[in-house]
Each structure stands twice: as C-alpha cells, then as structure tokens.
C-alpha cells in the first residue's frame, strides 16, 4: 500500500490488520490517538538519507534561502533526537 503522507499510514494501520514502519517520533506522537501498539523493529534499520535540492536560480533568493535554513534547522533537531 502507498499513501502520500505518514498520517495516512497510521490511519490505515489503525483500521485493519496491518503493520507499518514509521519514524519513532511519529509513532510516539500518534500511538494513543490511533490506538496503536508500538514495537522496536526486530532488526537494525539504517537511518534514511535525507537531502535537500533546489534550482540554482534559488541559491541567492532571500526567501528561498530563509526557507531552506528553517527546514535544515528542523531536520538537525530531529537528527539530534536519534
């Protein structure tokens, strides 16, 4: 099954006999809301590689630069939690 967002995964799992692998931060946040049981995976899972890409014409655009820095700042905070 493919869904466009992680919240769709949680809803699908909560309404059937499915399992899913989702980020720990998401699982902790939604487990109670969706009445989900959270387990550690039975094997080591490498963290995903997340990269940022943008068109070169946006390199020096102040708004695009500001937005990239905000996103990167949020992603660094998630990396520090793992």
PDB file of N, CA and C in Angstrom:
ATOM      1  N   UNK A   1       0.848  -1.162   0.000  1.00  0.00           N
ATOM      2  CA  UNK A   1       0.000   0.000   0.000  1.00  0.00           C
ATOM      3  C   UNK A   1       0.902   1.236   0.000  1.00  0.00           C
ATOM      4  N   UNK A   2       0.510   2.234  -0.718  1.00  0.00           N
ATOM      5  CA  UNK A   2       1.232   3.505  -0.745  1.00  0.00           C
ATOM      6  C   UNK A   2       0.267   4.613  -0.379  1.00  0.00           C
ATOM      7  N   UNK A   3       0.698   5.467   0.522  1.00  0.00           N
ATOM      8  CA  UNK A   3      -0.102   6.638   0.893  1.00  0.00           C
ATOM      9  C   UNK A   3       0.797   7.864   0.796  1.00  0.00           C
ATOM     10  N   UNK A   4       0.216   9.042   0.542  1.00  0.00           N
ATOM     11  CA  UNK A   4       1.047  10.228   0.311  1.00  0.00           C
ATOM     12  C   UNK A   4       1.696  10.821   1.558  1.00  0.00           C
ATOM     13  N   UNK A   5       1.167  10.532   2.737  1.00  0.00           N
ATOM     14  CA  UNK A   5       1.710  11.102   3.974  1.00  0.00           C
ATOM     15  C   UNK A   5       1.705  10.047   5.078  1.00  0.00           C
ATOM     16  N   UNK A   6       2.599  10.228   6.074  1.00  0.00           N
ATOM     17  CA  UNK A   6       2.694   9.252   7.164  1.00  0.00           C
ATOM     18  C   UNK A   6       1.394   9.137   7.962  1.00  0.00           C
ATOM     19  N   UNK A   7       0.648  10.227   8.087  1.00  0.00           N
ATOM     20  CA  UNK A   7      -0.601  10.133   8.857  1.00  0.00           C
ATOM     21  C   UNK A   7      -1.575   9.160   8.200  1.00  0.00           C
ATOM     22  N   UNK A   8      -1.519   9.042   6.895  1.00  0.00           N
ATOM     23  CA  UNK A   8      -2.347   8.063   6.197  1.00  0.00           C
ATOM     24  C   UNK A   8      -1.952   6.640   6.552  1.00  0.00           C
ATOM     25  N   UNK A   9      -0.661   6.420   6.770  1.00  0.00           N
ATOM     26  CA  UNK A   9      -0.180   5.107   7.192  1.00  0.00           C
ATOM     27  C   UNK A   9      -0.787   4.754   8.539  1.00  0.00           C
ATOM     28  N   UNK A  10      -0.739   5.687   9.472  1.00  0.00           N
ATOM     29  CA  UNK A  10      -1.262   5.437  10.822  1.00  0.00           C
ATOM     30  C   UNK A  10      -2.753   5.135  10.794  1.00  0.00           C
ATOM     31  N   UNK A  11      -3.482   5.864   9.990  1.00  0.00           N
ATOM     32  CA  UNK A  11      -4.922   5.614   9.887  1.00  0.00           C
ATOM     33  C   UNK A  11      -5.180   4.238   9.280  1.00  0.00           C
ATOM     34  N   UNK A  12      -4.472   3.892   8.224  1.00  0.00           N
ATOM     35  CA  UNK A  12      -4.672   2.585   7.574  1.00  0.00           C
ATOM     36  C   UNK A  12      -4.367   1.447   8.541  1.00  0.00           C
ATOM     37  N   UNK A  13      -3.273   1.561   9.295  1.00  0.00           N
ATOM     38  CA  UNK A  13      -2.910   0.518  10.253  1.00  0.00           C
ATOM     39  C   UNK A  13      -3.946   0.409  11.356  1.00  0.00           C
ATOM     40  N   UNK A  14      -4.446   1.545  11.806  1.00  0.00           N
ATOM     41  CA  UNK A  14      -5.415   1.523  12.913  1.00  0.00           C
ATOM     42  C   UNK A  14      -6.754   0.926  12.510  1.00  0.00           C
ATOM     43  N   UNK A  15      -7.052   0.902  11.229  1.00  0.00           N
ATOM     44  CA  UNK A  15      -8.354   0.426  10.767  1.00  0.00           C
ATOM     45  C   UNK A  15      -8.308  -0.981  10.174  1.00  0.00           C
ATOM     46  N   UNK A  16      -7.184  -1.676  10.334  1.00  0.00           N
ATOM     47  CA  UNK A  16      -7.093  -3.015   9.766  1.00  0.00           C
ATOM     48  C   UNK A  16      -6.077  -3.862  10.505  1.00  0.00           C
ATOM     49  N   UNK A  17      -5.681  -4.958   9.885  1.00  0.00           N
ATOM     50  CA  UNK A  17      -4.712  -5.867  10.496  1.00  0.00           C
ATOM     51  C   UNK A  17      -3.337  -5.694   9.847  1.00  0.00           C
ATOM     52  N   UNK A  18      -2.922  -4.449   9.701  1.00  0.00           N
ATOM     53  CA  UNK A  18      -1.669  -4.122   9.025  1.00  0.00           C
ATOM     54  C   UNK A  18      -0.593  -3.737  10.030  1.00  0.00           C
ATOM     55  N   UNK A  19       0.645  -3.737   9.552  1.00  0.00           N
ATOM     56  CA  UNK A  19       1.760  -3.207  10.323  1.00  0.00           C
ATOM     57  C   UNK A  19       2.473  -2.190   9.436  1.00  0.00           C
ATOM     58  N   UNK A  20       3.241  -1.312  10.048  1.00  0.00           N
ATOM     59  CA  UNK A  20       3.967  -0.311   9.272  1.00  0.00           C
ATOM     60  C   UNK A  20       5.253   0.061   9.990  1.00  0.00           C
ATOM     61  N   UNK A  21       6.189   0.520   9.231  1.00  0.00           N
ATOM     62  CA  UNK A  21       7.440   1.024   9.760  1.00  0.00           C
ATOM     63  C   UNK A  21       7.416   2.537   9.554  1.00  0.00           C
ATOM     64  N   UNK A  22       7.365   3.282  10.655  1.00  0.00           N
ATOM     65  CA  UNK A  22       7.295   4.744  10.596  1.00  0.00           C
ATOM     66  C   UNK A  22       8.353   5.329  11.532  1.00  0.00           C
ATOM     67  N   UNK A  23       8.687   6.591  11.363  1.00  0.00           N
ATOM     68  CA  UNK A  23       9.656   7.209  12.274  1.00  0.00           C
ATOM     69  C   UNK A  23       9.195   7.133  13.733  1.00  0.00           C
ATOM     70  N   UNK A  24      10.151   6.906  14.627  1.00  0.00           N
ATOM     71  CA  UNK A  24       9.826   6.760  16.051  1.00  0.00           C
ATOM     72  C   UNK A  24       9.116   7.988  16.610  1.00  0.00           C
ATOM     73  N   UNK A  25       9.525   9.182  16.163  1.00  0.00           N
ATOM     74  CA  UNK A  25       8.884  10.401  16.658  1.00  0.00           C
ATOM     75  C   UNK A  25       7.400  10.418  16.302  1.00  0.00           C
ATOM     76  N   UNK A  26       7.073   9.985  15.098  1.00  0.00           N
ATOM     77  CA  UNK A  26       5.671   9.933  14.681  1.00  0.00           C
ATOM     78  C   UNK A  26       4.919   8.879  15.470  1.00  0.00           C
ATOM     79  N   UNK A  27       5.507   7.702  15.612  1.00  0.00           N
ATOM     80  CA  UNK A  27       4.839   6.616  16.341  1.00  0.00           C
ATOM     81  C   UNK A  27       4.503   7.044  17.765  1.00  0.00           C
ATOM     82  N   UNK A  28       5.457   7.678  18.425  1.00  0.00           N
ATOM     83  CA  UNK A  28       5.223   8.116  19.810  1.00  0.00           C
ATOM     84  C   UNK A  28       4.110   9.152  19.881  1.00  0.00           C
ATOM     85  N   UNK A  29       4.057   9.999  18.872  1.00  0.00           N
ATOM     86  CA  UNK A  29       3.076  11.086  18.895  1.00  0.00           C
ATOM     87  C   UNK A  29       1.645  10.613  18.613  1.00  0.00           C
ATOM     88  N   UNK A  30       1.487   9.625  17.740  1.00  0.00           N
ATOM     89  CA  UNK A  30       0.139   9.242  17.304  1.00  0.00           C
ATOM     90  C   UNK A  30      -0.368   7.918  17.883  1.00  0.00           C
ATOM     91  N   UNK A  31       0.456   7.207  18.614  1.00  0.00           N
ATOM     92  CA  UNK A  31       0.057   5.876  19.106  1.00  0.00           C
ATOM     93  C   UNK A  31      -1.248   5.927  19.893  1.00  0.00           C
ATOM     94  N   UNK A  32      -1.355   6.852  20.810  1.00  0.00           N
ATOM     95  CA  UNK A  32      -2.573   6.932  21.628  1.00  0.00           C
ATOM     96  C   UNK A  32      -3.777   7.350  20.796  1.00  0.00           C
ATOM     97  N   UNK A  33      -3.596   8.338  19.934  1.00  0.00           N
ATOM     98  CA  UNK A  33      -4.692   8.830  19.097  1.00  0.00           C
ATOM     99  C   UNK A  33      -5.290   7.730  18.232  1.00  0.00           C
ATOM    100  N   UNK A  34      -4.436   6.900  17.643  1.00  0.00           N
ATOM    101  CA  UNK A  34      -4.902   5.853  16.736  1.00  0.00           C
ATOM    102  C   UNK A  34      -4.996   4.488  17.405  1.00  0.00           C
ATOM    103  N   UNK A  35      -4.809   4.420  18.720  1.00  0.00           N
ATOM    104  CA  UNK A  35      -4.847   3.153  19.468  1.00  0.00           C
ATOM    105  C   UNK A  35      -3.877   2.124  18.865  1.00  0.00           C
ATOM    106  N   UNK A  36      -2.647   2.542  18.668  1.00  0.00           N
ATOM    107  CA  UNK A  36      -1.639   1.680  18.057  1.00  0.00           C
ATOM    108  C   UNK A  36      -0.688   1.130  19.110  1.00  0.00           C
ATOM    109  N   UNK A  37      -0.184  -0.066  18.861  1.00  0.00           N
ATOM    110  CA  UNK A  37       0.886  -0.650  19.669  1.00  0.00           C
ATOM    111  C   UNK A  37       2.198  -0.350  18.950  1.00  0.00           C
ATOM    112  N   UNK A  38       3.182   0.126  19.686  1.00  0.00           N
ATOM    113  CA  UNK A  38       4.464   0.487  19.089  1.00  0.00           C
ATOM    114  C   UNK A  38       5.526  -0.508  19.544  1.00  0.00           C
ATOM    115  N   UNK A  39       6.271  -1.040  18.595  1.00  0.00           N
ATOM    116  CA  UNK A  39       7.333  -2.004  18.866  1.00  0.00           C
ATOM    117  C   UNK A  39       8.611  -1.560  18.164  1.00  0.00           C
ATOM    118  N   UNK A  40       9.735  -1.975  18.710  1.00  0.00           N
ATOM    119  CA  UNK A  40      11.018  -1.782  18.038  1.00  0.00           C
ATOM    120  C   UNK A  40      11.100  -2.801  16.906  1.00  0.00           C
ATOM    121  N   UNK A  41      11.672  -2.431  15.756  1.00  0.00           N
ATOM    122  CA  UNK A  41      11.823  -3.428  14.687  1.00  0.00           C
ATOM    123  C   UNK A  41      12.776  -4.537  15.129  1.00  0.00           C
ATOM    124  N   UNK A  42      12.590  -5.751  14.619  1.00  0.00           N
ATOM    125  CA  UNK A  42      13.408  -6.889  15.052  1.00  0.00           C
ATOM    126  C   UNK A  42      14.815  -6.907  14.448  1.00  0.00           C
ATOM    127  N   UNK A  43      15.150  -5.890  13.654  1.00  0.00           N
ATOM    128  CA  UNK A  43      16.478  -5.828  13.062  1.00  0.00           C
ATOM    129  C   UNK A  43      16.935  -4.373  13.013  1.00  0.00           C
ATOM    130  N   UNK A  44      18.239  -4.185  12.841  1.00  0.00           N
ATOM    131  CA  UNK A  44      18.797  -2.839  12.738  1.00  0.00           C
ATOM    132  C   UNK A  44      18.350  -2.200  11.422  1.00  0.00           C
ATOM    133  N   UNK A  45      17.889  -0.973  11.493  1.00  0.00           N
ATOM    134  CA  UNK A  45      17.473  -0.250  10.292  1.00  0.00           C
ATOM    135  C   UNK A  45      18.329   1.010  10.190  1.00  0.00           C
ATOM    136  N   UNK A  46      19.012   1.152   9.072  1.00  0.00           N
ATOM    137  CA  UNK A  46      19.828   2.336   8.864  1.00  0.00           C
ATOM    138  C   UNK A  46      18.937   3.568   8.742  1.00  0.00           C
ATOM    139  N   UNK A  47      19.379   4.695   9.297  1.00  0.00           N
ATOM    140  CA  UNK A  47      18.575   5.908   9.152  1.00  0.00           C
ATOM    141  C   UNK A  47      18.506   6.323   7.681  1.00  0.00           C
ATOM    142  N   UNK A  48      17.397   6.941   7.285  1.00  0.00           N
ATOM    143  CA  UNK A  48      17.269   7.340   5.883  1.00  0.00           C
ATOM    144  C   UNK A  48      18.201   8.504   5.564  1.00  0.00           C
ATOM    145  N   UNK A  49      18.612   8.572   4.340  1.00  0.00           N
ATOM    146  CA  UNK A  49      19.387   9.700   3.864  1.00  0.00           C
ATOM    147  C   UNK A  49      18.401  10.747   3.363  1.00  0.00           C
ATOM    148  N   UNK A  50      18.441  11.902   3.949  1.00  0.00           N
ATOM    149  CA  UNK A  50      17.552  12.986   3.543  1.00  0.00           C
ATOM    150  C   UNK A  50      18.425  14.103   2.983  1.00  0.00           C
ATOM    151  N   UNK A  51      18.124  14.508   1.772  1.00  0.00           N
ATOM    152  CA  UNK A  51      18.908  15.552   1.133  1.00  0.00           C
ATOM    153  C   UNK A  51      18.001  16.695   0.704  1.00  0.00           C
ATOM    154  N   UNK A  52      18.569  17.849   0.568  1.00  0.00           N
ATOM    155  CA  UNK A  52      17.825  18.998   0.069  1.00  0.00           C
ATOM    156  C   UNK A  52      18.350  19.388  -1.300  1.00  0.00           C
ATOM    157  N   UNK A  53      17.457  19.617  -2.230  1.00  0.00           N
ATOM    158  CA  UNK A  53      17.858  20.056  -3.557  1.00  0.00           C
ATOM    159  C   UNK A  53      17.011  21.253  -3.961  1.00  0.00           C
ATOM    160  N   UNK A  54      17.596  22.121  -4.758  1.00  0.00           N
ATOM    161  CA  UNK A  54      16.870  23.272  -5.263  1.00  0.00           C
ATOM    162  C   UNK A  54      17.523  23.730  -6.550  1.00  0.00           C
ATOM    163  N   UNK A  55      16.782  24.494  -7.302  1.00  0.00           N
ATOM    164  CA  UNK A  55      17.295  25.017  -8.567  1.00  0.00           C
ATOM    165  C   UNK A  55      18.342  26.080  -8.281  1.00  0.00           C
ATOM    166  N   UNK A  56      19.379  26.141  -9.106  1.00  0.00           N
ATOM    167  CA  UNK A  56      20.479  27.066  -8.871  1.00  0.00           C
ATOM    168  C   UNK A  56      20.028  28.524  -8.863  1.00  0.00           C
ATOM    169  N   UNK A  57      18.936  28.845  -9.554  1.00  0.00           N
ATOM    170  CA  UNK A  57      18.480  30.238  -9.552  1.00  0.00           C
ATOM    171  C   UNK A  57      17.936  30.648  -8.176  1.00  0.00           C
ATOM    172  N   UNK A  58      17.692  29.666  -7.290  1.00  0.00           N
ATOM    173  CA  UNK A  58      17.212  29.963  -5.936  1.00  0.00           C
ATOM    174  C   UNK A  58      18.343  30.092  -4.925  1.00  0.00           C
ATOM    175  N   UNK A  59      19.583  29.897  -5.361  1.00  0.00           N
ATOM    176  CA  UNK A  59      20.712  29.967  -4.432  1.00  0.00           C
ATOM    177  C   UNK A  59      20.766  31.276  -3.652  1.00  0.00           C
ATOM    178  N   UNK A  60      20.542  32.378  -4.316  1.00  0.00           N
ATOM    179  CA  UNK A  60      20.697  33.689  -3.682  1.00  0.00           C
ATOM    180  C   UNK A  60      19.378  34.410  -3.446  1.00  0.00           C
ATOM    181  N   UNK A  61      18.274  33.729  -3.624  1.00  0.00           N
ATOM    182  CA  UNK A  61      16.971  34.333  -3.366  1.00  0.00           C
ATOM    183  C   UNK A  61      16.747  34.360  -1.855  1.00  0.00           C
ATOM    184  N   UNK A  62      16.562  35.547  -1.261  1.00  0.00           N
ATOM    185  CA  UNK A  62      16.450  35.620   0.205  1.00  0.00           C
ATOM    186  C   UNK A  62      15.350  34.738   0.794  1.00  0.00           C
ATOM    187  N   UNK A  63      14.173  34.728   0.204  1.00  0.00           N
ATOM    188  CA  UNK A  63      13.080  33.926   0.758  1.00  0.00           C
ATOM    189  C   UNK A  63      13.393  32.431   0.671  1.00  0.00           C
ATOM    190  N   UNK A  64      13.919  31.994  -0.470  1.00  0.00           N
ATOM    191  CA  UNK A  64      14.265  30.573  -0.616  1.00  0.00           C
ATOM    192  C   UNK A  64      15.386  30.187   0.343  1.00  0.00           C
ATOM    193  N   UNK A  65      16.359  31.064   0.487  1.00  0.00           N
ATOM    194  CA  UNK A  65      17.462  30.805   1.421  1.00  0.00           C
ATOM    195  C   UNK A  65      16.946  30.692   2.850  1.00  0.00           C
ATOM    196  N   UNK A  66      16.061  31.596   3.233  1.00  0.00           N
ATOM    197  CA  UNK A  66      15.470  31.574   4.579  1.00  0.00           C
ATOM    198  C   UNK A  66      14.702  30.263   4.795  1.00  0.00           C
ATOM    199  N   UNK A  67      13.896  29.864   3.814  1.00  0.00           N
ATOM    200  CA  UNK A  67      13.097  28.637   3.940  1.00  0.00           C
ATOM    201  C   UNK A  67      14.000  27.410   4.054  1.00  0.00           C
ATOM    202  N   UNK A  68      15.052  27.343   3.253  1.00  0.00           N
ATOM    203  CA  UNK A  68      15.980  26.211   3.349  1.00  0.00           C
ATOM    204  C   UNK A  68      16.592  26.130   4.739  1.00  0.00           C
ATOM    205  N   UNK A  69      17.014  27.274   5.263  1.00  0.00           N
ATOM    206  CA  UNK A  69      17.632  27.271   6.589  1.00  0.00           C
ATOM    207  C   UNK A  69      16.640  26.813   7.656  1.00  0.00           C
ATOM    208  N   UNK A  70      15.389  27.195   7.551  1.00  0.00           N
ATOM    209  CA  UNK A  70      14.360  26.757   8.508  1.00  0.00           C
ATOM    210  C   UNK A  70      14.195  25.245   8.441  1.00  0.00           C
ATOM    211  N   UNK A  71      14.082  24.710   7.225  1.00  0.00           N
ATOM    212  CA  UNK A  71      13.907  23.262   7.054  1.00  0.00           C
ATOM    213  C   UNK A  71      15.125  22.518   7.580  1.00  0.00           C
ATOM    214  N   UNK A  72      16.332  22.973   7.222  1.00  0.00           N
ATOM    215  CA  UNK A  72      17.549  22.314   7.689  1.00  0.00           C
ATOM    216  C   UNK A  72      17.659  22.379   9.206  1.00  0.00           C
ATOM    217  N   UNK A  73      17.259  23.486   9.797  1.00  0.00           N
ATOM    218  CA  UNK A  73      17.287  23.619  11.253  1.00  0.00           C
ATOM    219  C   UNK A  73      16.365  22.579  11.902  1.00  0.00           C
ATOM    220  N   UNK A  74      15.164  22.434  11.371  1.00  0.00           N
ATOM    221  CA  UNK A  74      14.227  21.441  11.911  1.00  0.00           C
ATOM    222  C   UNK A  74      14.757  20.019  11.744  1.00  0.00           C
ATOM    223  N   UNK A  75      15.363  19.741  10.613  1.00  0.00           N
ATOM    224  CA  UNK A  75      15.897  18.405  10.367  1.00  0.00           C
ATOM    225  C   UNK A  75      17.069  18.104  11.291  1.00  0.00           C
ATOM    226  N   UNK A  76      17.926  19.088  11.571  1.00  0.00           N
ATOM    227  CA  UNK A  76      19.036  18.873  12.512  1.00  0.00           C
ATOM    228  C   UNK A  76      18.504  18.511  13.900  1.00  0.00           C
ATOM    229  N   UNK A  77      17.423  19.150  14.302  1.00  0.00           N
ATOM    230  CA  UNK A  77      16.829  18.848  15.612  1.00  0.00           C
ATOM    231  C   UNK A  77      16.352  17.400  15.665  1.00  0.00           C
ATOM    232  N   UNK A  78      15.771  16.904  14.596  1.00  0.00           N
ATOM    233  CA  UNK A  78      15.324  15.506  14.564  1.00  0.00           C
ATOM    234  C   UNK A  78      16.520  14.572  14.618  1.00  0.00           C
ATOM    235  N   UNK A  79      17.599  14.911  13.921  1.00  0.00           N
ATOM    236  CA  UNK A  79      18.802  14.079  13.924  1.00  0.00           C
ATOM    237  C   UNK A  79      19.400  14.000  15.325  1.00  0.00           C
ATOM    238  N   UNK A  80      19.343  15.090  16.069  1.00  0.00           N
ATOM    239  CA  UNK A  80      19.889  15.111  17.422  1.00  0.00           C
ATOM    240  C   UNK A  80      19.096  14.216  18.376  1.00  0.00           C
ATOM    241  N   UNK A  81      17.818  13.996  18.073  1.00  0.00           N
ATOM    242  CA  UNK A  81      16.965  13.168  18.935  1.00  0.00           C
ATOM    243  C   UNK A  81      17.238  11.677  18.757  1.00  0.00           C
ATOM    244  N   UNK A  82      17.816  11.298  17.639  1.00  0.00           N
ATOM    245  CA  UNK A  82      18.005   9.852  17.395  1.00  0.00           C
ATOM    246  C   UNK A  82      19.240   9.314  18.071  1.00  0.00           C
TER     247      UNK A  82
END
